[in-house]
Amino acid sequence: MSRTWWIIIAVAVAVGLAVLVGVLGTRNSDSPTKAEAVSSLCSSLKGLQTSIKTLTNIDTSTATKSELENDVNGVETSWNQVKSDAQAVQDAPTGSLDSAWNDFTSAVKDIPNAGSVSDAVDSVTQAAQQLGSAAQSTASSINCSS
């Protein structure tokens, strides 16, 4: 073989190795590590608990339905983040959390349109507190720090 062929072969091998290193180096770069995924889930569970506290601490003597709806929407936004983060944690124990969420959404749907804010808050408070307890239990089961 001539020197030119050796150079071509060497360049081809080098390019092949560079491509292989690039592929192997980035194959899981979009996936968070388990520790990162658990940390994100812990953070979103804390956010859910905070939005639930905001909802359950609403002052029924001065609150409007709009404020109640905003607080319920805040809980829903937090819940969506929990669900998203839980998908990244393999075998995340979310069964009781899913059940509590279903109970919460049922309570929210049962709020009568013409009822008072006080009645509406009373109807969702218990379900919200159960959702908060389920979030705390889930956080404990994945070893979130307080």
Protein backbone atom coordinates (compact mmCIF):
# COMPACT_ATOMS: atom_id res chain seq x y z
CA MET A 1 0.00 0.00 0.00
CA SER A 2 1.11 3.46 -0.72
CA ARG A 3 1.60 6.15 1.83
CA THR A 4 -1.50 8.01 0.57
CA TRP A 5 -3.72 5.00 1.31
CA TRP A 6 -2.35 4.74 4.86
CA ILE A 7 -3.14 8.40 5.43
CA ILE A 8 -6.70 7.95 4.07
CA ILE A 9 -7.24 4.89 6.28
CA ALA A 10 -5.84 6.70 9.32
CA VAL A 11 -8.11 9.71 8.72
CA ALA A 12 -11.15 7.44 8.23
CA VAL A 13 -10.41 5.57 11.47
CA ALA A 14 -9.92 8.87 13.33
CA VAL A 15 -13.22 10.23 12.03
CA GLY A 16 -14.97 6.98 12.96
CA LEU A 17 -13.54 7.11 16.48
CA ALA A 18 -14.54 10.77 16.86
CA VAL A 19 -18.11 9.95 15.83
CA LEU A 20 -18.21 6.99 18.22
CA VAL A 21 -16.91 9.06 21.14
CA GLY A 22 -19.45 11.79 20.33
CA VAL A 23 -22.35 9.35 20.23
CA LEU A 24 -21.33 7.57 23.42
CA GLY A 25 -20.64 10.82 25.23
CA THR A 26 -24.07 12.29 24.54
CA ARG A 27 -26.36 9.28 24.57
CA ASN A 28 -27.84 10.05 28.02
CA SER A 29 -27.14 13.77 28.27
CA ASP A 30 -30.87 14.64 28.08
CA SER A 31 -31.78 12.20 30.85
CA PRO A 32 -31.27 13.41 34.40
CA THR A 33 -29.37 11.20 36.81
CA LYS A 34 -31.45 9.38 39.38
CA ALA A 35 -30.31 11.81 42.08
CA GLU A 36 -31.27 14.80 39.92
CA ALA A 37 -34.65 13.28 39.11
CA VAL A 38 -35.39 12.57 42.78
CA SER A 39 -34.26 16.08 43.72
CA SER A 40 -36.60 17.59 41.11
CA LEU A 41 -39.48 15.45 42.36
CA CYS A 42 -38.76 16.49 45.96
CA SER A 43 -38.79 20.12 44.91
CA SER A 44 -42.07 19.81 43.02
CA LEU A 45 -43.68 17.92 45.93
CA LYS A 46 -42.67 20.80 48.21
CA GLY A 47 -44.18 23.24 45.70
CA LEU A 48 -47.40 21.22 45.70
CA GLN A 49 -47.55 21.34 49.48
CA THR A 50 -47.01 25.11 49.39
CA SER A 51 -49.85 25.64 46.89
CA ILE A 52 -52.12 23.43 48.97
CA LYS A 53 -51.33 25.54 52.07
CA THR A 54 -52.16 28.67 50.11
CA LEU A 55 -55.49 27.16 49.13
CA THR A 56 -56.41 25.83 52.55
CA ASN A 57 -55.38 29.08 54.31
CA ILE A 58 -57.67 31.24 52.21
CA ASP A 59 -59.63 33.72 54.32
CA THR A 60 -63.23 32.77 53.63
CA SER A 61 -64.55 36.04 55.07
CA THR A 62 -62.81 38.16 52.42
CA ALA A 63 -62.00 35.76 49.57
CA THR A 64 -63.71 35.88 46.22
CA LYS A 65 -64.47 33.01 43.89
CA SER A 66 -61.77 34.36 41.60
CA GLU A 67 -59.18 34.06 44.39
CA LEU A 68 -60.36 30.53 45.11
CA GLU A 69 -60.10 29.62 41.43
CA ASN A 70 -56.57 31.10 41.27
CA ASP A 71 -55.51 29.05 44.30
CA VAL A 72 -57.03 25.88 42.80
CA ASN A 73 -55.19 26.65 39.53
CA GLY A 74 -51.97 27.02 41.52
CA VAL A 75 -52.47 23.56 42.99
CA GLU A 76 -53.14 22.19 39.51
CA THR A 77 -49.98 23.78 38.11
CA SER A 78 -47.95 22.32 40.97
CA TRP A 79 -49.56 18.93 40.40
CA ASN A 80 -48.61 18.97 36.73
CA GLN A 81 -44.98 19.59 37.72
CA VAL A 82 -45.11 16.70 40.21
CA LYS A 83 -46.47 14.35 37.53
CA SER A 84 -43.80 15.45 35.07
CA ASP A 85 -40.98 15.02 37.61
CA ALA A 86 -42.36 11.68 38.85
CA GLN A 87 -42.07 10.24 35.34
CA ALA A 88 -38.29 10.68 35.51
CA VAL A 89 -38.04 8.71 38.78
CA GLN A 90 -38.27 5.02 38.06
CA ASP A 91 -40.79 3.32 40.36
CA ALA A 92 -41.78 6.57 42.05
CA PRO A 93 -44.42 5.67 44.66
CA THR A 94 -47.25 7.87 43.41
CA GLY A 95 -50.25 5.57 43.87
CA SER A 96 -51.66 7.27 46.96
CA LEU A 97 -50.77 10.65 45.46
CA ASP A 98 -52.72 9.87 42.27
CA SER A 99 -55.69 8.72 44.33
CA ALA A 100 -55.63 11.87 46.49
CA TRP A 101 -55.41 13.99 43.32
CA ASN A 102 -58.48 12.27 41.90
CA ASP A 103 -60.36 12.95 45.15
CA PHE A 104 -59.24 16.59 45.05
CA THR A 105 -60.39 17.12 41.46
CA SER A 106 -63.72 15.52 42.29
CA ALA A 107 -64.16 17.91 45.21
CA VAL A 108 -63.30 20.87 42.98
CA LYS A 109 -65.77 19.75 40.32
CA ASP A 110 -68.47 19.45 42.99
CA ILE A 111 -68.21 23.11 43.99
CA PRO A 112 -71.64 24.55 43.26
CA ASN A 113 -71.56 27.52 40.90
CA ALA A 114 -73.95 29.56 43.03
CA GLY A 115 -72.53 28.57 46.42
CA SER A 116 -70.60 30.88 48.71
CA VAL A 117 -66.83 30.97 48.75
CA SER A 118 -66.95 29.68 52.31
CA ASP A 119 -68.94 26.62 51.24
CA ALA A 120 -66.62 26.08 48.28
CA VAL A 121 -63.51 26.27 50.46
CA ASP A 122 -65.02 23.87 52.98
CA SER A 123 -65.78 21.36 50.24
CA VAL A 124 -62.22 21.28 48.91
CA THR A 125 -60.24 21.78 52.13
CA GLN A 126 -60.46 18.19 53.29
CA ALA A 127 -59.50 16.80 49.88
CA ALA A 128 -56.65 19.33 49.63
CA GLN A 129 -55.36 18.34 53.06
CA GLN A 130 -55.42 14.67 52.03
CA LEU A 131 -53.51 15.58 48.88
CA GLY A 132 -50.96 17.42 51.01
CA SER A 133 -50.60 14.40 53.29
CA ALA A 134 -50.10 12.12 50.29
CA ALA A 135 -47.46 14.50 48.92
CA GLN A 136 -45.67 14.48 52.27
CA SER A 137 -45.85 10.69 52.44
CA THR A 138 -44.45 10.40 48.91
CA ALA A 139 -41.66 12.82 49.78
CA SER A 140 -40.78 10.73 52.83
CA SER A 141 -40.78 7.51 50.83
CA ILE A 142 -38.20 8.88 48.37
CA ASN A 143 -36.12 10.38 51.20
CA CYS A 144 -36.67 14.07 50.52
CA SER A 145 -35.13 16.25 53.17
CA SER A 146 -37.50 18.63 54.94
